[in-house]
Amino acid sequence: HVAIGKASFDDNKLYENFVALMEAIRKARPSGAKGSYIRKITMTSTMGPGIKVDPLAAQNLDTKE
């Protein structure tokens, strides 16, 4: 569980924080890990419903978008 921002953040800031989080997770992956390292991603507000995010698409995000 990781917070990437607050509801008051604009879309670009949340996106940048999410990209930075995904990059940190990729770098933290142990070299001996086999298969898919990230199996499931769900984003939600504190009391809101969860929204599933495609893990493969999230790992291929780029800050240039």
PDB file of N, CA and C in Angstrom:
ATOM      1  N   HIS A   1       0.842  -1.165   0.000  1.00  0.00           N
ATOM      2  CA  HIS A   1       0.000   0.000   0.000  1.00  0.00           C
ATOM      3  C   HIS A   1       0.890   1.231   0.000  1.00  0.00           C
ATOM      4  N   VAL A   2       0.648   2.098  -0.981  1.00  0.00           N
ATOM      5  CA  VAL A   2       1.463   3.299  -1.106  1.00  0.00           C
ATOM      6  C   VAL A   2       0.569   4.457  -1.525  1.00  0.00           C
ATOM      7  N   ALA A   3       0.706   5.577  -0.874  1.00  0.00           N
ATOM      8  CA  ALA A   3      -0.020   6.792  -1.273  1.00  0.00           C
ATOM      9  C   ALA A   3       0.775   7.505  -2.357  1.00  0.00           C
ATOM     10  N   ILE A   4       0.085   7.931  -3.421  1.00  0.00           N
ATOM     11  CA  ILE A   4       0.774   8.670  -4.483  1.00  0.00           C
ATOM     12  C   ILE A   4       0.354  10.128  -4.518  1.00  0.00           C
ATOM     13  N   GLY A   5      -0.569  10.506  -3.653  1.00  0.00           N
ATOM     14  CA  GLY A   5      -0.983  11.904  -3.612  1.00  0.00           C
ATOM     15  C   GLY A   5      -2.277  12.080  -2.854  1.00  0.00           C
ATOM     16  N   LYS A   6      -2.814  13.274  -2.967  1.00  0.00           N
ATOM     17  CA  LYS A   6      -4.074  13.621  -2.319  1.00  0.00           C
ATOM     18  C   LYS A   6      -5.096  13.967  -3.396  1.00  0.00           C
ATOM     19  N   ALA A   7      -6.351  13.968  -3.025  1.00  0.00           N
ATOM     20  CA  ALA A   7      -7.422  14.287  -3.975  1.00  0.00           C
ATOM     21  C   ALA A   7      -7.276  15.706  -4.523  1.00  0.00           C
ATOM     22  N   SER A   8      -6.610  16.566  -3.796  1.00  0.00           N
ATOM     23  CA  SER A   8      -6.438  17.947  -4.247  1.00  0.00           C
ATOM     24  C   SER A   8      -5.341  18.093  -5.312  1.00  0.00           C
ATOM     25  N   PHE A   9      -4.534  17.062  -5.542  1.00  0.00           N
ATOM     26  CA  PHE A   9      -3.480  17.124  -6.549  1.00  0.00           C
ATOM     27  C   PHE A   9      -4.092  17.148  -7.940  1.00  0.00           C
ATOM     28  N   ASP A  10      -3.449  17.845  -8.869  1.00  0.00           N
ATOM     29  CA  ASP A  10      -3.942  17.820 -10.246  1.00  0.00           C
ATOM     30  C   ASP A  10      -3.528  16.520 -10.929  1.00  0.00           C
ATOM     31  N   ASP A  11      -4.120  16.251 -12.086  1.00  0.00           N
ATOM     32  CA  ASP A  11      -3.896  14.992 -12.793  1.00  0.00           C
ATOM     33  C   ASP A  11      -2.428  14.746 -13.119  1.00  0.00           C
ATOM     34  N   ASN A  12      -1.734  15.797 -13.561  1.00  0.00           N
ATOM     35  CA  ASN A  12      -0.332  15.639 -13.946  1.00  0.00           C
ATOM     36  C   ASN A  12       0.544  15.233 -12.763  1.00  0.00           C
ATOM     37  N   LYS A  13       0.294  15.821 -11.611  1.00  0.00           N
ATOM     38  CA  LYS A  13       1.097  15.509 -10.422  1.00  0.00           C
ATOM     39  C   LYS A  13       0.855  14.063  -9.980  1.00  0.00           C
ATOM     40  N   LEU A  14      -0.404  13.615  -9.988  1.00  0.00           N
ATOM     41  CA  LEU A  14      -0.700  12.227  -9.638  1.00  0.00           C
ATOM     42  C   LEU A  14      -0.037  11.266 -10.620  1.00  0.00           C
ATOM     43  N   TYR A  15      -0.087  11.609 -11.908  1.00  0.00           N
ATOM     44  CA  TYR A  15       0.535  10.777 -12.936  1.00  0.00           C
ATOM     45  C   TYR A  15       2.042  10.682 -12.707  1.00  0.00           C
ATOM     46  N   GLU A  16       2.691  11.820 -12.469  1.00  0.00           N
ATOM     47  CA  GLU A  16       4.134  11.831 -12.227  1.00  0.00           C
ATOM     48  C   GLU A  16       4.501  11.000 -11.000  1.00  0.00           C
ATOM     49  N   ASN A  17       3.705  11.101  -9.944  1.00  0.00           N
ATOM     50  CA  ASN A  17       3.970  10.324  -8.729  1.00  0.00           C
ATOM     51  C   ASN A  17       3.795   8.833  -8.992  1.00  0.00           C
ATOM     52  N   PHE A  18       2.787   8.463  -9.778  1.00  0.00           N
ATOM     53  CA  PHE A  18       2.558   7.052 -10.094  1.00  0.00           C
ATOM     54  C   PHE A  18       3.696   6.499 -10.951  1.00  0.00           C
ATOM     55  N   VAL A  19       4.157   7.278 -11.917  1.00  0.00           N
ATOM     56  CA  VAL A  19       5.287   6.851 -12.754  1.00  0.00           C
ATOM     57  C   VAL A  19       6.539   6.677 -11.901  1.00  0.00           C
ATOM     58  N   ALA A  20       6.778   7.587 -10.973  1.00  0.00           N
ATOM     59  CA  ALA A  20       7.939   7.483 -10.088  1.00  0.00           C
ATOM     60  C   ALA A  20       7.835   6.246  -9.197  1.00  0.00           C
ATOM     61  N   LEU A  21       6.635   5.941  -8.715  1.00  0.00           N
ATOM     62  CA  LEU A  21       6.424   4.747  -7.907  1.00  0.00           C
ATOM     63  C   LEU A  21       6.712   3.492  -8.712  1.00  0.00           C
ATOM     64  N   MET A  22       6.198   3.417  -9.936  1.00  0.00           N
ATOM     65  CA  MET A  22       6.424   2.241 -10.766  1.00  0.00           C
ATOM     66  C   MET A  22       7.910   2.066 -11.084  1.00  0.00           C
ATOM     67  N   GLU A  23       8.607   3.167 -11.294  1.00  0.00           N
ATOM     68  CA  GLU A  23      10.047   3.102 -11.563  1.00  0.00           C
ATOM     69  C   GLU A  23      10.798   2.589 -10.328  1.00  0.00           C
ATOM     70  N   ALA A  24      10.409   3.036  -9.150  1.00  0.00           N
ATOM     71  CA  ALA A  24      11.049   2.579  -7.914  1.00  0.00           C
ATOM     72  C   ALA A  24      10.801   1.091  -7.684  1.00  0.00           C
ATOM     73  N   ILE A  25       9.599   0.635  -7.997  1.00  0.00           N
ATOM     74  CA  ILE A  25       9.291  -0.792  -7.840  1.00  0.00           C
ATOM     75  C   ILE A  25      10.107  -1.615  -8.828  1.00  0.00           C
ATOM     76  N   ARG A  26      10.223  -1.140 -10.062  1.00  0.00           N
ATOM     77  CA  ARG A  26      11.040  -1.859 -11.066  1.00  0.00           C
ATOM     78  C   ARG A  26      12.492  -1.965 -10.613  1.00  0.00           C
ATOM     79  N   LYS A  27      13.036  -0.890 -10.059  1.00  0.00           N
ATOM     80  CA  LYS A  27      14.430  -0.895  -9.614  1.00  0.00           C
ATOM     81  C   LYS A  27      14.639  -1.784  -8.389  1.00  0.00           C
ATOM     82  N   ALA A  28      13.598  -1.949  -7.571  1.00  0.00           N
ATOM     83  CA  ALA A  28      13.712  -2.739  -6.349  1.00  0.00           C
ATOM     84  C   ALA A  28      13.520  -4.234  -6.592  1.00  0.00           C
ATOM     85  N   ARG A  29      13.173  -4.613  -7.803  1.00  0.00           N
ATOM     86  CA  ARG A  29      12.943  -6.027  -8.106  1.00  0.00           C
ATOM     87  C   ARG A  29      14.238  -6.817  -7.929  1.00  0.00           C
ATOM     88  N   PRO A  30      14.198  -7.890  -7.146  1.00  0.00           N
ATOM     89  CA  PRO A  30      15.394  -8.725  -6.971  1.00  0.00           C
ATOM     90  C   PRO A  30      15.796  -9.377  -8.296  1.00  0.00           C
ATOM     91  N   SER A  31      17.073  -9.530  -8.506  1.00  0.00           N
ATOM     92  CA  SER A  31      17.553 -10.111  -9.765  1.00  0.00           C
ATOM     93  C   SER A  31      17.128 -11.564  -9.923  1.00  0.00           C
ATOM     94  N   GLY A  32      16.877 -12.252  -8.834  1.00  0.00           N
ATOM     95  CA  GLY A  32      16.477 -13.652  -8.900  1.00  0.00           C
ATOM     96  C   GLY A  32      14.983 -13.864  -9.083  1.00  0.00           C
ATOM     97  N   ALA A  33      14.206 -12.790  -9.111  1.00  0.00           N
ATOM     98  CA  ALA A  33      12.751 -12.925  -9.257  1.00  0.00           C
ATOM     99  C   ALA A  33      12.412 -13.376 -10.667  1.00  0.00           C
ATOM    100  N   LYS A  34      11.585 -14.410 -10.756  1.00  0.00           N
ATOM    101  CA  LYS A  34      11.175 -14.930 -12.062  1.00  0.00           C
ATOM    102  C   LYS A  34       9.698 -14.642 -12.283  1.00  0.00           C
ATOM    103  N   GLY A  35       9.296 -14.566 -13.529  1.00  0.00           N
ATOM    104  CA  GLY A  35       7.895 -14.333 -13.852  1.00  0.00           C
ATOM    105  C   GLY A  35       7.500 -12.883 -13.655  1.00  0.00           C
ATOM    106  N   SER A  36       6.210 -12.660 -13.569  1.00  0.00           N
ATOM    107  CA  SER A  36       5.716 -11.290 -13.403  1.00  0.00           C
ATOM    108  C   SER A  36       5.889 -10.869 -11.943  1.00  0.00           C
ATOM    109  N   TYR A  37       6.562  -9.757 -11.736  1.00  0.00           N
ATOM    110  CA  TYR A  37       6.858  -9.263 -10.393  1.00  0.00           C
ATOM    111  C   TYR A  37       5.647  -8.535  -9.813  1.00  0.00           C
ATOM    112  N   ILE A  38       4.950  -7.799 -10.654  1.00  0.00           N
ATOM    113  CA  ILE A  38       3.751  -7.074 -10.219  1.00  0.00           C
ATOM    114  C   ILE A  38       2.551  -7.810 -10.800  1.00  0.00           C
ATOM    115  N   ARG A  39       1.729  -8.351  -9.940  1.00  0.00           N
ATOM    116  CA  ARG A  39       0.586  -9.147 -10.401  1.00  0.00           C
ATOM    117  C   ARG A  39      -0.701  -8.349 -10.486  1.00  0.00           C
ATOM    118  N   LYS A  40      -0.870  -7.377  -9.576  1.00  0.00           N
ATOM    119  CA  LYS A  40      -2.137  -6.656  -9.531  1.00  0.00           C
ATOM    120  C   LYS A  40      -1.898  -5.248  -9.012  1.00  0.00           C
ATOM    121  N   ILE A  41      -2.592  -4.269  -9.612  1.00  0.00           N
ATOM    122  CA  ILE A  41      -2.539  -2.885  -9.153  1.00  0.00           C
ATOM    123  C   ILE A  41      -3.975  -2.381  -9.051  1.00  0.00           C
ATOM    124  N   THR A  42      -4.303  -1.796  -7.919  1.00  0.00           N
ATOM    125  CA  THR A  42      -5.618  -1.204  -7.724  1.00  0.00           C
ATOM    126  C   THR A  42      -5.424   0.186  -7.140  1.00  0.00           C
ATOM    127  N   MET A  43      -6.076   1.177  -7.738  1.00  0.00           N
ATOM    128  CA  MET A  43      -6.005   2.549  -7.226  1.00  0.00           C
ATOM    129  C   MET A  43      -7.342   2.889  -6.603  1.00  0.00           C
ATOM    130  N   THR A  44      -7.287   3.629  -5.497  1.00  0.00           N
ATOM    131  CA  THR A  44      -8.504   4.016  -4.803  1.00  0.00           C
ATOM    132  C   THR A  44      -8.258   5.259  -3.957  1.00  0.00           C
ATOM    133  N   SER A  45      -9.333   5.959  -3.672  1.00  0.00           N
ATOM    134  CA  SER A  45      -9.244   7.022  -2.672  1.00  0.00           C
ATOM    135  C   SER A  45      -9.434   6.353  -1.309  1.00  0.00           C
ATOM    136  N   THR A  46      -9.349   7.108  -0.252  1.00  0.00           N
ATOM    137  CA  THR A  46      -9.422   6.520   1.082  1.00  0.00           C
ATOM    138  C   THR A  46     -10.704   5.726   1.303  1.00  0.00           C
ATOM    139  N   MET A  47     -11.829   6.269   0.930  1.00  0.00           N
ATOM    140  CA  MET A  47     -13.103   5.603   1.164  1.00  0.00           C
ATOM    141  C   MET A  47     -13.822   5.255  -0.136  1.00  0.00           C
ATOM    142  N   GLY A  48     -13.146   5.351  -1.261  1.00  0.00           N
ATOM    143  CA  GLY A  48     -13.789   5.103  -2.547  1.00  0.00           C
ATOM    144  C   GLY A  48     -13.594   3.686  -3.026  1.00  0.00           C
ATOM    145  N   PRO A  49     -14.276   3.341  -4.112  1.00  0.00           N
ATOM    146  CA  PRO A  49     -14.116   2.005  -4.689  1.00  0.00           C
ATOM    147  C   PRO A  49     -12.758   1.871  -5.379  1.00  0.00           C
ATOM    148  N   GLY A  50     -12.245   0.653  -5.434  1.00  0.00           N
ATOM    149  CA  GLY A  50     -10.972   0.400  -6.091  1.00  0.00           C
ATOM    150  C   GLY A  50     -11.148   0.296  -7.600  1.00  0.00           C
ATOM    151  N   ILE A  51     -10.170   0.794  -8.340  1.00  0.00           N
ATOM    152  CA  ILE A  51     -10.171   0.718  -9.799  1.00  0.00           C
ATOM    153  C   ILE A  51      -8.944  -0.086 -10.198  1.00  0.00           C
ATOM    154  N   LYS A  52      -9.168  -1.170 -10.939  1.00  0.00           N
ATOM    155  CA  LYS A  52      -8.060  -2.021 -11.357  1.00  0.00           C
ATOM    156  C   LYS A  52      -7.265  -1.342 -12.470  1.00  0.00           C
ATOM    157  N   VAL A  53      -5.942  -1.481 -12.398  1.00  0.00           N
ATOM    158  CA  VAL A  53      -5.018  -0.930 -13.383  1.00  0.00           C
ATOM    159  C   VAL A  53      -4.264  -2.091 -13.999  1.00  0.00           C
ATOM    160  N   ASP A  54      -4.108  -2.077 -15.318  1.00  0.00           N
ATOM    161  CA  ASP A  54      -3.368  -3.123 -16.005  1.00  0.00           C
ATOM    162  C   ASP A  54      -1.894  -3.040 -15.606  1.00  0.00           C
ATOM    163  N   PRO A  55      -1.341  -4.078 -14.956  1.00  0.00           N
ATOM    164  CA  PRO A  55       0.050  -4.016 -14.497  1.00  0.00           C
ATOM    165  C   PRO A  55       1.053  -3.867 -15.636  1.00  0.00           C
ATOM    166  N   LEU A  56       0.805  -4.499 -16.761  1.00  0.00           N
ATOM    167  CA  LEU A  56       1.739  -4.390 -17.887  1.00  0.00           C
ATOM    168  C   LEU A  56       1.754  -2.966 -18.452  1.00  0.00           C
ATOM    169  N   ALA A  57       0.592  -2.356 -18.583  1.00  0.00           N
ATOM    170  CA  ALA A  57       0.529  -0.994 -19.067  1.00  0.00           C
ATOM    171  C   ALA A  57       1.170  -0.036 -18.073  1.00  0.00           C
ATOM    172  N   ALA A  58       0.964  -0.265 -16.782  1.00  0.00           N
ATOM    173  CA  ALA A  58       1.527   0.614 -15.754  1.00  0.00           C
ATOM    174  C   ALA A  58       3.057   0.529 -15.741  1.00  0.00           C
ATOM    175  N   GLN A  59       3.619  -0.623 -16.043  1.00  0.00           N
ATOM    176  CA  GLN A  59       5.072  -0.768 -16.051  1.00  0.00           C
ATOM    177  C   GLN A  59       5.709  -0.112 -17.258  1.00  0.00           C
ATOM    178  N   ASN A  60       4.916   0.138 -18.299  1.00  0.00           N
ATOM    179  CA  ASN A  60       5.449   0.754 -19.521  1.00  0.00           C
ATOM    180  C   ASN A  60       5.170   2.236 -19.604  1.00  0.00           C
ATOM    181  N   LEU A  61       4.737   2.865 -18.516  1.00  0.00           N
ATOM    182  CA  LEU A  61       4.467   4.297 -18.513  1.00  0.00           C
ATOM    183  C   LEU A  61       5.761   5.073 -18.673  1.00  0.00           C
ATOM    184  N   ASP A  62       5.633   6.234 -19.267  1.00  0.00           N
ATOM    185  CA  ASP A  62       6.794   7.082 -19.498  1.00  0.00           C
ATOM    186  C   ASP A  62       6.449   8.495 -19.059  1.00  0.00           C
ATOM    187  N   THR A  63       7.384   9.207 -18.500  1.00  0.00           N
ATOM    188  CA  THR A  63       7.143  10.577 -18.031  1.00  0.00           C
ATOM    189  C   THR A  63       6.948  11.548 -19.180  1.00  0.00           C
ATOM    190  N   LYS A  64       7.232  11.159 -20.403  1.00  0.00           N
ATOM    191  CA  LYS A  64       7.113  12.056 -21.564  1.00  0.00           C
ATOM    192  C   LYS A  64       5.671  12.234 -22.006  1.00  0.00           C
ATOM    193  N   GLU A  65       4.746  11.396 -21.542  1.00  0.00           N
ATOM    194  CA  GLU A  65       3.353  11.488 -22.004  1.00  0.00           C
ATOM    195  C   GLU A  65       2.649  12.675 -21.429  1.00  0.00           C
TER     196      GLU A  65
END
